Amino acid sequence: MNLHRLHCFVTVVEEGSVSKAAKKLNMSQPPLSMLIRKLEEELNVTLFERYKKRLLVTEVGNLLYERAKELLISSENVVKEVAEYSEGIKGTVRIGTSTSANITFIPNVLKEIQEQSLDITLDVREGKYTDILREIRNNEIDVGLVRNTYQPDDLEIIKLVKEPLLLALPPGHPLLNKSSIELSDLRNENFLMQRTTQGQNISDFIMEACHASGFTPNIVYWGTTSLPILLMVKKGIGVSFVPQSFLQLNDDVNLPTMVKVSSPYLFSSQSMIMLQDRFRTFSTNRIVEIIKKVAGVSNK
């Protein structure tokens, strides 16, 4: 039994005659009649009976019709699903990311997926840079979104965003009334910092900048994610630095006031990392392009 025979059989049943079915199938009547006979011989059943020039479907013919319809619909869905996978509009993509990227970057990626009507699920896992790097090498994730500058030779790295670092200040802090803030103004402040895992991240840049400004920052807290640190700033425990993208959370979370430091210029970079020379699914390639689009990265 093959799908073509089943399709022809279903058409004969739905048209009520071989001649009408042959016309719809764009074939002549004799070959279609021969095809139906071969199907009956293959199954060793009678599918149709003739009564006063009418073609009647037998009971077993009705059973085959119902099952054949299910099978044809299923086969069409399989073809469609394969095509969707091949076009990268369906699948699951595993992404490793920091908490900050998950709450500031991933929502925009999801919005783009919905706007393009893609049936792609993001399996997002938060973690430190070292965790993301290990999971990429173990084929546990497909893509990583990181701020770390450490660049192993086995990774493909795409720079996504370069954005200013903003100074988060507690409510009522005296520096909020100052028109221009310099890093040296923070020499007597308590700093809340993100822990460095491998290579350099935001905390390393801040510490280097503080030393260049003539002081060593008084660090009272090391943490792994920015949002809890910002809430501590809100309670007056100290000051901290976060990427400018955190401003978009102000509508959802009551964060402390964040301002620019005029000197020196402090910035952070967001990168996408993947393992070089590894096969990527069509869905993964589609998500990579979406991430680049959200970040405003040109393909040129």
C-alpha atoms as a PDB file:
ATOM      1  CA  MET A   1       0.000   0.000   0.000  1.00  0.00           C
ATOM      2  CA  ASN A   2       1.245   3.485  -0.798  1.00  0.00           C
ATOM      3  CA  LEU A   3      -0.008   6.988  -0.162  1.00  0.00           C
ATOM      4  CA  HIS A   4      -0.771   7.642  -3.828  1.00  0.00           C
ATOM      5  CA  ARG A   5      -3.190   4.712  -3.993  1.00  0.00           C
ATOM      6  CA  LEU A   6      -4.841   5.786  -0.770  1.00  0.00           C
ATOM      7  CA  HIS A   7      -5.206   9.335  -2.064  1.00  0.00           C
ATOM      8  CA  CYS A   8      -6.858   8.067  -5.246  1.00  0.00           C
ATOM      9  CA  PHE A   9      -9.167   5.785  -3.253  1.00  0.00           C
ATOM     10  CA  VAL A  10     -10.240   8.631  -0.967  1.00  0.00           C
ATOM     11  CA  THR A  11     -10.921  10.844  -3.982  1.00  0.00           C
ATOM     12  CA  VAL A  12     -13.133   8.150  -5.567  1.00  0.00           C
ATOM     13  CA  VAL A  13     -15.120   7.819  -2.331  1.00  0.00           C
ATOM     14  CA  GLU A  14     -15.573  11.580  -1.975  1.00  0.00           C
ATOM     15  CA  GLU A  15     -16.477  12.144  -5.646  1.00  0.00           C
ATOM     16  CA  GLY A  16     -18.865   9.177  -5.748  1.00  0.00           C
ATOM     17  CA  SER A  17     -17.634   7.882  -9.116  1.00  0.00           C
ATOM     18  CA  VAL A  18     -14.423   6.847 -10.839  1.00  0.00           C
ATOM     19  CA  SER A  19     -14.995   9.224 -13.746  1.00  0.00           C
ATOM     20  CA  LYS A  20     -15.397  12.292 -11.519  1.00  0.00           C
ATOM     21  CA  ALA A  21     -12.413  11.240  -9.402  1.00  0.00           C
ATOM     22  CA  ALA A  22     -10.275  10.697 -12.531  1.00  0.00           C
ATOM     23  CA  LYS A  23     -11.093  14.210 -13.710  1.00  0.00           C
ATOM     24  CA  LYS A  24     -10.185  15.711 -10.323  1.00  0.00           C
ATOM     25  CA  LEU A  25      -6.966  13.709 -10.204  1.00  0.00           C
ATOM     26  CA  ASN A  26      -6.112  14.807 -13.744  1.00  0.00           C
ATOM     27  CA  MET A  27      -5.843  11.234 -15.023  1.00  0.00           C
ATOM     28  CA  SER A  28      -7.851   8.981 -17.322  1.00  0.00           C
ATOM     29  CA  GLN A  29     -10.465   6.589 -15.989  1.00  0.00           C
ATOM     30  CA  PRO A  30      -8.935   3.163 -16.935  1.00  0.00           C
ATOM     31  CA  PRO A  31      -5.680   3.643 -14.965  1.00  0.00           C
ATOM     32  CA  LEU A  32      -7.672   4.814 -11.942  1.00  0.00           C
ATOM     33  CA  SER A  33      -9.967   1.775 -12.114  1.00  0.00           C
ATOM     34  CA  MET A  34      -6.862  -0.439 -12.377  1.00  0.00           C
ATOM     35  CA  LEU A  35      -5.328   1.270  -9.350  1.00  0.00           C
ATOM     36  CA  ILE A  36      -8.448   0.640  -7.235  1.00  0.00           C
ATOM     37  CA  ARG A  37      -8.498  -3.046  -8.282  1.00  0.00           C
ATOM     38  CA  LYS A  38      -4.838  -3.419  -7.307  1.00  0.00           C
ATOM     39  CA  LEU A  39      -5.597  -1.864  -3.929  1.00  0.00           C
ATOM     40  CA  GLU A  40      -8.434  -4.376  -3.408  1.00  0.00           C
ATOM     41  CA  GLU A  41      -6.132  -7.231  -4.411  1.00  0.00           C
ATOM     42  CA  GLU A  42      -3.408  -6.005  -2.084  1.00  0.00           C
ATOM     43  CA  LEU A  43      -5.826  -5.872   0.849  1.00  0.00           C
ATOM     44  CA  ASN A  44      -7.852  -8.872  -0.310  1.00  0.00           C
ATOM     45  CA  VAL A  45     -11.130  -7.004   0.218  1.00  0.00           C
ATOM     46  CA  THR A  46     -13.948  -5.479  -1.843  1.00  0.00           C
ATOM     47  CA  LEU A  47     -13.995  -1.715  -1.445  1.00  0.00           C
ATOM     48  CA  PHE A  48     -16.839  -0.809  -3.805  1.00  0.00           C
ATOM     49  CA  GLU A  49     -20.041  -2.418  -5.067  1.00  0.00           C
ATOM     50  CA  ARG A  50     -22.071  -1.241  -8.069  1.00  0.00           C
ATOM     51  CA  TYR A  51     -25.836  -0.902  -7.737  1.00  0.00           C
ATOM     52  CA  LYS A  52     -27.918   0.530 -10.598  1.00  0.00           C
ATOM     53  CA  LYS A  53     -25.009   2.556 -12.032  1.00  0.00           C
ATOM     54  CA  ARG A  54     -24.161   3.820  -8.522  1.00  0.00           C
ATOM     55  CA  LEU A  55     -20.813   3.175  -6.831  1.00  0.00           C
ATOM     56  CA  LEU A  56     -21.367   2.133  -3.213  1.00  0.00           C
ATOM     57  CA  VAL A  57     -18.629   1.954  -0.608  1.00  0.00           C
ATOM     58  CA  THR A  58     -18.577  -1.304   1.341  1.00  0.00           C
ATOM     59  CA  GLU A  59     -18.356  -1.444   5.109  1.00  0.00           C
ATOM     60  CA  VAL A  60     -14.673  -2.319   4.967  1.00  0.00           C
ATOM     61  CA  GLY A  61     -14.282   0.402   2.330  1.00  0.00           C
ATOM     62  CA  ASN A  62     -15.669   2.944   4.802  1.00  0.00           C
ATOM     63  CA  LEU A  63     -13.202   1.717   7.416  1.00  0.00           C
ATOM     64  CA  LEU A  64     -10.326   2.124   4.979  1.00  0.00           C
ATOM     65  CA  TYR A  65     -11.615   5.575   3.995  1.00  0.00           C
ATOM     66  CA  GLU A  66     -11.588   6.817   7.606  1.00  0.00           C
ATOM     67  CA  ARG A  67      -8.130   5.400   8.290  1.00  0.00           C
ATOM     68  CA  ALA A  68      -6.760   6.585   4.946  1.00  0.00           C
ATOM     69  CA  LYS A  69      -7.949  10.137   5.641  1.00  0.00           C
ATOM     70  CA  GLU A  70      -6.164  10.086   8.999  1.00  0.00           C
ATOM     71  CA  LEU A  71      -3.004   8.725   7.404  1.00  0.00           C
ATOM     72  CA  LEU A  72      -3.015  11.273   4.570  1.00  0.00           C
ATOM     73  CA  ILE A  73      -3.540  14.169   6.973  1.00  0.00           C
ATOM     74  CA  SER A  74      -0.751  12.821   9.169  1.00  0.00           C
ATOM     75  CA  SER A  75       1.588  12.490   6.192  1.00  0.00           C
ATOM     76  CA  GLU A  76       0.813  16.078   5.149  1.00  0.00           C
ATOM     77  CA  ASN A  77       1.606  17.242   8.663  1.00  0.00           C
ATOM     78  CA  VAL A  78       4.902  15.339   8.604  1.00  0.00           C
ATOM     79  CA  VAL A  79       5.882  17.004   5.330  1.00  0.00           C
ATOM     80  CA  LYS A  80       4.864  20.394   6.702  1.00  0.00           C
ATOM     81  CA  GLU A  81       6.759  19.826   9.952  1.00  0.00           C
ATOM     82  CA  VAL A  82       9.914  18.765   8.114  1.00  0.00           C
ATOM     83  CA  ALA A  83       9.620  21.844   5.898  1.00  0.00           C
ATOM     84  CA  GLU A  84       9.161  24.061   8.943  1.00  0.00           C
ATOM     85  CA  TYR A  85      12.231  22.588  10.597  1.00  0.00           C
ATOM     86  CA  SER A  86      14.226  23.017   7.389  1.00  0.00           C
ATOM     87  CA  GLU A  87      13.156  26.665   7.210  1.00  0.00           C
ATOM     88  CA  GLY A  88      13.943  27.216  10.890  1.00  0.00           C
ATOM     89  CA  ILE A  89      10.402  28.161  11.916  1.00  0.00           C
ATOM     90  CA  LYS A  90       9.863  25.272  14.318  1.00  0.00           C
ATOM     91  CA  GLY A  91      12.009  23.670  16.996  1.00  0.00           C
ATOM     92  CA  THR A  92      13.662  24.198  20.375  1.00  0.00           C
ATOM     93  CA  VAL A  93      16.788  26.286  20.922  1.00  0.00           C
ATOM     94  CA  ARG A  94      18.756  26.064  24.176  1.00  0.00           C
ATOM     95  CA  ILE A  95      20.248  29.343  25.391  1.00  0.00           C
ATOM     96  CA  GLY A  96      22.582  29.927  28.302  1.00  0.00           C
ATOM     97  CA  THR A  97      22.439  33.435  29.703  1.00  0.00           C
ATOM     98  CA  SER A  98      23.125  35.608  32.685  1.00  0.00           C
ATOM     99  CA  THR A  99      20.155  36.757  34.742  1.00  0.00           C
ATOM    100  CA  SER A 100      20.575  40.298  33.449  1.00  0.00           C
ATOM    101  CA  ALA A 101      20.438  39.217  29.787  1.00  0.00           C
ATOM    102  CA  ASN A 102      17.452  37.019  30.540  1.00  0.00           C
ATOM    103  CA  ILE A 103      15.413  39.899  31.917  1.00  0.00           C
ATOM    104  CA  THR A 104      16.565  42.624  29.508  1.00  0.00           C
ATOM    105  CA  PHE A 105      17.383  40.863  26.223  1.00  0.00           C
ATOM    106  CA  ILE A 106      15.467  37.581  25.961  1.00  0.00           C
ATOM    107  CA  PRO A 107      11.980  39.211  26.179  1.00  0.00           C
ATOM    108  CA  ASN A 108      12.741  41.160  22.987  1.00  0.00           C
ATOM    109  CA  VAL A 109      13.857  37.946  21.275  1.00  0.00           C
ATOM    110  CA  LEU A 110      10.606  36.236  22.288  1.00  0.00           C
ATOM    111  CA  LYS A 111       8.594  39.173  20.972  1.00  0.00           C
ATOM    112  CA  GLU A 112      10.340  38.896  17.611  1.00  0.00           C
ATOM    113  CA  ILE A 113       9.644  35.135  17.493  1.00  0.00           C
ATOM    114  CA  GLN A 114       5.942  35.824  18.006  1.00  0.00           C
ATOM    115  CA  GLU A 115       5.871  38.618  15.432  1.00  0.00           C
ATOM    116  CA  GLN A 116       7.402  36.256  12.862  1.00  0.00           C
ATOM    117  CA  SER A 117       4.853  33.538  13.814  1.00  0.00           C
ATOM    118  CA  LEU A 118       7.610  31.025  14.510  1.00  0.00           C
ATOM    119  CA  ASP A 119       6.871  27.842  16.447  1.00  0.00           C
ATOM    120  CA  ILE A 120      10.205  27.938  18.273  1.00  0.00           C
ATOM    121  CA  THR A 121      10.591  27.271  21.984  1.00  0.00           C
ATOM    122  CA  LEU A 122      13.465  28.869  23.901  1.00  0.00           C
ATOM    123  CA  ASP A 123      14.944  26.656  26.620  1.00  0.00           C
ATOM    124  CA  VAL A 124      16.745  29.333  28.654  1.00  0.00           C
ATOM    125  CA  ARG A 125      19.153  28.445  31.441  1.00  0.00           C
ATOM    126  CA  GLU A 126      20.683  31.093  33.666  1.00  0.00           C
ATOM    127  CA  GLY A 127      24.221  30.670  34.914  1.00  0.00           C
ATOM    128  CA  LYS A 128      27.712  32.080  35.372  1.00  0.00           C
ATOM    129  CA  TYR A 129      30.016  32.414  32.396  1.00  0.00           C
ATOM    130  CA  THR A 130      31.945  29.292  33.354  1.00  0.00           C
ATOM    131  CA  ASP A 131      28.682  27.302  33.529  1.00  0.00           C
ATOM    132  CA  ILE A 132      27.578  28.575  30.114  1.00  0.00           C
ATOM    133  CA  LEU A 133      30.965  27.778  28.592  1.00  0.00           C
ATOM    134  CA  ARG A 134      30.922  24.233  30.019  1.00  0.00           C
ATOM    135  CA  GLU A 135      27.371  23.589  28.786  1.00  0.00           C
ATOM    136  CA  ILE A 136      28.206  24.795  25.282  1.00  0.00           C
ATOM    137  CA  ARG A 137      31.210  22.452  25.100  1.00  0.00           C
ATOM    138  CA  ASN A 138      29.099  19.549  26.441  1.00  0.00           C
ATOM    139  CA  ASN A 139      26.399  20.245  23.815  1.00  0.00           C
ATOM    140  CA  GLU A 140      23.881  21.030  26.566  1.00  0.00           C
ATOM    141  CA  ILE A 141      23.074  24.452  25.103  1.00  0.00           C
ATOM    142  CA  ASP A 142      23.281  25.886  21.590  1.00  0.00           C
ATOM    143  CA  VAL A 143      23.938  29.583  22.220  1.00  0.00           C
ATOM    144  CA  GLY A 144      25.329  31.672  25.070  1.00  0.00           C
ATOM    145  CA  LEU A 145      24.673  35.333  25.877  1.00  0.00           C
ATOM    146  CA  VAL A 146      27.489  36.709  28.038  1.00  0.00           C
ATOM    147  CA  ARG A 147      29.200  39.942  29.080  1.00  0.00           C
ATOM    148  CA  ASN A 148      32.546  38.342  29.796  1.00  0.00           C
ATOM    149  CA  THR A 149      35.498  39.304  27.569  1.00  0.00           C
ATOM    150  CA  TYR A 150      37.348  35.988  27.880  1.00  0.00           C
ATOM    151  CA  GLN A 151      37.469  34.501  24.354  1.00  0.00           C
ATOM    152  CA  PRO A 152      38.660  30.891  23.999  1.00  0.00           C
ATOM    153  CA  ASP A 153      39.842  29.819  20.550  1.00  0.00           C
ATOM    154  CA  ASP A 154      37.127  27.167  20.194  1.00  0.00           C
ATOM    155  CA  LEU A 155      34.302  29.733  20.343  1.00  0.00           C
ATOM    156  CA  GLU A 156      32.648  31.825  17.692  1.00  0.00           C
ATOM    157  CA  ILE A 157      31.949  35.212  19.274  1.00  0.00           C
ATOM    158  CA  ILE A 158      29.565  37.825  17.901  1.00  0.00           C
ATOM    159  CA  LYS A 159      29.598  41.250  19.556  1.00  0.00           C
ATOM    160  CA  LEU A 160      26.001  42.348  20.087  1.00  0.00           C
ATOM    161  CA  VAL A 161      25.733  45.463  22.232  1.00  0.00           C
ATOM    162  CA  LYS A 162      28.102  48.025  23.699  1.00  0.00           C
ATOM    163  CA  GLU A 163      26.286  50.145  26.267  1.00  0.00           C
ATOM    164  CA  PRO A 164      27.203  52.599  29.049  1.00  0.00           C
ATOM    165  CA  LEU A 165      27.404  51.474  32.647  1.00  0.00           C
ATOM    166  CA  LEU A 166      25.139  53.441  34.937  1.00  0.00           C
ATOM    167  CA  LEU A 167      25.719  54.231  38.584  1.00  0.00           C
ATOM    168  CA  ALA A 168      22.882  53.071  40.855  1.00  0.00           C
ATOM    169  CA  LEU A 169      22.471  55.321  43.879  1.00  0.00           C
ATOM    170  CA  PRO A 170      20.363  54.898  47.044  1.00  0.00           C
ATOM    171  CA  PRO A 171      17.326  57.170  47.549  1.00  0.00           C
ATOM    172  CA  GLY A 172      18.292  60.625  48.846  1.00  0.00           C
ATOM    173  CA  HIS A 173      21.998  60.164  48.078  1.00  0.00           C
ATOM    174  CA  PRO A 174      23.861  63.537  47.938  1.00  0.00           C
ATOM    175  CA  LEU A 175      25.313  62.737  44.480  1.00  0.00           C
ATOM    176  CA  LEU A 176      21.802  62.756  43.035  1.00  0.00           C
ATOM    177  CA  ASN A 177      21.873  66.548  43.339  1.00  0.00           C
ATOM    178  CA  LYS A 178      25.180  66.876  41.523  1.00  0.00           C
ATOM    179  CA  SER A 179      25.011  67.872  37.848  1.00  0.00           C
ATOM    180  CA  SER A 180      28.084  65.829  36.876  1.00  0.00           C
ATOM    181  CA  ILE A 181      29.438  62.780  38.693  1.00  0.00           C
ATOM    182  CA  GLU A 182      33.002  61.529  38.400  1.00  0.00           C
ATOM    183  CA  LEU A 183      34.226  58.152  39.568  1.00  0.00           C
ATOM    184  CA  SER A 184      36.502  59.830  42.103  1.00  0.00           C
ATOM    185  CA  ASP A 185      33.370  61.093  43.872  1.00  0.00           C
ATOM    186  CA  LEU A 186      32.769  57.501  44.995  1.00  0.00           C
ATOM    187  CA  ARG A 187      35.997  56.980  46.937  1.00  0.00           C
ATOM    188  CA  ASN A 188      34.138  56.925  50.295  1.00  0.00           C
ATOM    189  CA  GLU A 189      31.220  54.783  49.130  1.00  0.00           C
ATOM    190  CA  ASN A 190      30.474  51.126  49.808  1.00  0.00           C
ATOM    191  CA  PHE A 191      30.487  49.114  46.572  1.00  0.00           C
ATOM    192  CA  LEU A 192      28.232  46.164  45.734  1.00  0.00           C
ATOM    193  CA  MET A 193      29.923  44.111  43.019  1.00  0.00           C
ATOM    194  CA  GLN A 194      29.282  41.161  40.725  1.00  0.00           C
ATOM    195  CA  ARG A 195      31.706  38.308  41.187  1.00  0.00           C
ATOM    196  CA  THR A 196      34.162  37.626  38.353  1.00  0.00           C
ATOM    197  CA  THR A 197      34.146  34.035  37.105  1.00  0.00           C
ATOM    198  CA  GLN A 198      36.663  33.886  34.257  1.00  0.00           C
ATOM    199  CA  GLY A 199      38.268  36.614  32.182  1.00  0.00           C
ATOM    200  CA  GLN A 200      37.058  40.160  32.793  1.00  0.00           C
ATOM    201  CA  ASN A 201      33.572  41.452  33.478  1.00  0.00           C
ATOM    202  CA  ILE A 202      31.946  44.630  34.768  1.00  0.00           C
ATOM    203  CA  SER A 203      33.543  44.443  38.223  1.00  0.00           C
ATOM    204  CA  ASP A 204      37.042  44.192  36.772  1.00  0.00           C
ATOM    205  CA  PHE A 205      36.521  47.293  34.639  1.00  0.00           C
ATOM    206  CA  ILE A 206      35.159  49.238  37.599  1.00  0.00           C
ATOM    207  CA  MET A 207      38.036  48.245  39.884  1.00  0.00           C
ATOM    208  CA  GLU A 208      40.609  49.194  37.237  1.00  0.00           C
ATOM    209  CA  ALA A 209      38.874  52.529  36.697  1.00  0.00           C
ATOM    210  CA  CYS A 210      38.798  53.198  40.457  1.00  0.00           C
ATOM    211  CA  HIS A 211      42.509  52.478  40.776  1.00  0.00           C
ATOM    212  CA  ALA A 212      43.182  54.800  37.822  1.00  0.00           C
ATOM    213  CA  SER A 213      41.132  57.457  39.661  1.00  0.00           C
ATOM    214  CA  GLY A 214      43.379  57.159  42.711  1.00  0.00           C
ATOM    215  CA  PHE A 215      41.460  54.911  45.118  1.00  0.00           C
ATOM    216  CA  THR A 216      40.594  51.316  45.917  1.00  0.00           C
ATOM    217  CA  PRO A 217      36.830  50.673  46.107  1.00  0.00           C
ATOM    218  CA  ASN A 218      35.478  49.571  49.477  1.00  0.00           C
ATOM    219  CA  ILE A 219      33.639  46.410  48.435  1.00  0.00           C
ATOM    220  CA  VAL A 220      31.143  45.232  51.055  1.00  0.00           C
ATOM    221  CA  TYR A 221      29.334  42.642  48.945  1.00  0.00           C
ATOM    222  CA  TRP A 222      30.102  40.227  46.107  1.00  0.00           C
ATOM    223  CA  GLY A 223      27.136  38.691  44.282  1.00  0.00           C
ATOM    224  CA  THR A 224      26.359  36.796  41.096  1.00  0.00           C
ATOM    225  CA  THR A 225      23.409  38.754  39.655  1.00  0.00           C
ATOM    226  CA  SER A 226      22.583  42.442  39.280  1.00  0.00           C
ATOM    227  CA  LEU A 227      18.920  42.578  40.268  1.00  0.00           C
ATOM    228  CA  PRO A 228      19.413  41.576  43.944  1.00  0.00           C
ATOM    229  CA  ILE A 229      22.305  44.033  44.102  1.00  0.00           C
ATOM    230  CA  LEU A 230      20.076  46.838  42.816  1.00  0.00           C
ATOM    231  CA  LEU A 231      17.504  46.052  45.482  1.00  0.00           C
ATOM    232  CA  MET A 232      20.275  46.333  48.094  1.00  0.00           C
ATOM    233  CA  VAL A 233      21.193  49.718  46.653  1.00  0.00           C
ATOM    234  CA  LYS A 234      17.562  50.693  47.045  1.00  0.00           C
ATOM    235  CA  LYS A 235      17.874  49.887  50.760  1.00  0.00           C
ATOM    236  CA  GLY A 236      20.888  52.210  51.100  1.00  0.00           C
ATOM    237  CA  ILE A 237      23.528  49.489  51.585  1.00  0.00           C
ATOM    238  CA  GLY A 238      25.868  50.830  48.915  1.00  0.00           C
ATOM    239  CA  VAL A 239      26.315  51.846  45.258  1.00  0.00           C
ATOM    240  CA  SER A 240      26.673  49.663  42.189  1.00  0.00           C
ATOM    241  CA  PHE A 241      27.034  49.739  38.406  1.00  0.00           C
ATOM    242  CA  VAL A 242      24.727  48.082  35.876  1.00  0.00           C
ATOM    243  CA  PRO A 243      24.358  48.213  32.077  1.00  0.00           C
ATOM    244  CA  GLN A 244      22.059  50.905  30.716  1.00  0.00           C
ATOM    245  CA  SER A 245      19.580  48.251  29.480  1.00  0.00           C
ATOM    246  CA  PHE A 246      18.374  47.883  33.082  1.00  0.00           C
ATOM    247  CA  LEU A 247      16.499  51.166  32.645  1.00  0.00           C
ATOM    248  CA  GLN A 248      13.819  49.271  30.724  1.00  0.00           C
ATOM    249  CA  LEU A 249      12.903  47.443  33.953  1.00  0.00           C
ATOM    250  CA  ASN A 250      11.794  50.598  35.729  1.00  0.00           C
ATOM    251  CA  ASP A 251       8.192  50.091  34.656  1.00  0.00           C
ATOM    252  CA  ASP A 252       8.110  46.625  36.235  1.00  0.00           C
ATOM    253  CA  VAL A 253      10.503  46.828  39.200  1.00  0.00           C
ATOM    254  CA  ASN A 254      10.995  49.675  41.656  1.00  0.00           C
ATOM    255  CA  LEU A 255      14.714  50.147  41.078  1.00  0.00           C
ATOM    256  CA  PRO A 256      17.047  52.820  42.482  1.00  0.00           C
ATOM    257  CA  THR A 257      17.896  55.878  40.426  1.00  0.00           C
ATOM    258  CA  MET A 258      20.580  55.164  37.823  1.00  0.00           C
ATOM    259  CA  VAL A 259      22.782  57.955  36.450  1.00  0.00           C
ATOM    260  CA  LYS A 260      25.777  58.325  34.129  1.00  0.00           C
ATOM    261  CA  VAL A 261      29.300  58.912  35.336  1.00  0.00           C
ATOM    262  CA  SER A 262      30.849  61.686  33.273  1.00  0.00           C
ATOM    263  CA  SER A 263      34.450  60.574  33.757  1.00  0.00           C
ATOM    264  CA  PRO A 264      35.800  58.086  32.961  1.00  0.00           C
ATOM    265  CA  TYR A 265      33.503  56.553  30.345  1.00  0.00           C
ATOM    266  CA  LEU A 266      32.475  53.107  31.566  1.00  0.00           C
ATOM    267  CA  PHE A 267      30.776  50.582  29.304  1.00  0.00           C
ATOM    268  CA  SER A 268      29.789  46.934  29.050  1.00  0.00           C
ATOM    269  CA  SER A 269      29.586  44.633  26.030  1.00  0.00           C
ATOM    270  CA  GLN A 270      27.063  41.860  25.410  1.00  0.00           C
ATOM    271  CA  SER A 271      28.230  38.991  23.190  1.00  0.00           C
ATOM    272  CA  MET A 272      26.752  35.852  21.697  1.00  0.00           C
ATOM    273  CA  ILE A 273      28.963  32.776  21.845  1.00  0.00           C
ATOM    274  CA  MET A 274      28.725  29.424  20.070  1.00  0.00           C
ATOM    275  CA  LEU A 275      31.097  26.530  19.570  1.00  0.00           C
ATOM    276  CA  GLN A 276      32.962  26.753  16.283  1.00  0.00           C
ATOM    277  CA  ASP A 277      32.481  24.065  13.603  1.00  0.00           C
ATOM    278  CA  ARG A 278      29.461  22.494  15.351  1.00  0.00           C
ATOM    279  CA  PHE A 279      26.371  21.579  13.346  1.00  0.00           C
ATOM    280  CA  ARG A 280      23.526  23.979  14.041  1.00  0.00           C
ATOM    281  CA  THR A 281      19.882  23.221  13.463  1.00  0.00           C
ATOM    282  CA  PHE A 282      17.848  25.464  11.206  1.00  0.00           C
ATOM    283  CA  SER A 283      15.982  26.669  14.299  1.00  0.00           C
ATOM    284  CA  THR A 284      19.235  27.642  15.992  1.00  0.00           C
ATOM    285  CA  ASN A 285      20.353  29.577  12.918  1.00  0.00           C
ATOM    286  CA  ARG A 286      16.995  31.344  12.857  1.00  0.00           C
ATOM    287  CA  ILE A 287      17.331  32.360  16.518  1.00  0.00           C
ATOM    288  CA  VAL A 288      20.905  33.548  15.942  1.00  0.00           C
ATOM    289  CA  GLU A 289      19.617  35.856  13.226  1.00  0.00           C
ATOM    290  CA  ILE A 290      16.817  37.100  15.491  1.00  0.00           C
ATOM    291  CA  ILE A 291      19.277  37.824  18.306  1.00  0.00           C
ATOM    292  CA  LYS A 292      21.436  39.793  15.899  1.00  0.00           C
ATOM    293  CA  LYS A 293      18.393  41.688  14.656  1.00  0.00           C
ATOM    294  CA  VAL A 294      17.279  42.567  18.195  1.00  0.00           C
ATOM    295  CA  ALA A 295      20.803  43.766  18.969  1.00  0.00           C
ATOM    296  CA  GLY A 296      20.988  45.769  15.738  1.00  0.00           C
ATOM    297  CA  VAL A 297      23.927  43.750  14.385  1.00  0.00           C
ATOM    298  CA  SER A 298      24.351  43.843  10.604  1.00  0.00           C
ATOM    299  CA  ASN A 299      24.995  40.605   8.662  1.00  0.00           C
ATOM    300  CA  LYS A 300      27.459  42.422   6.441  1.00  0.00           C
END
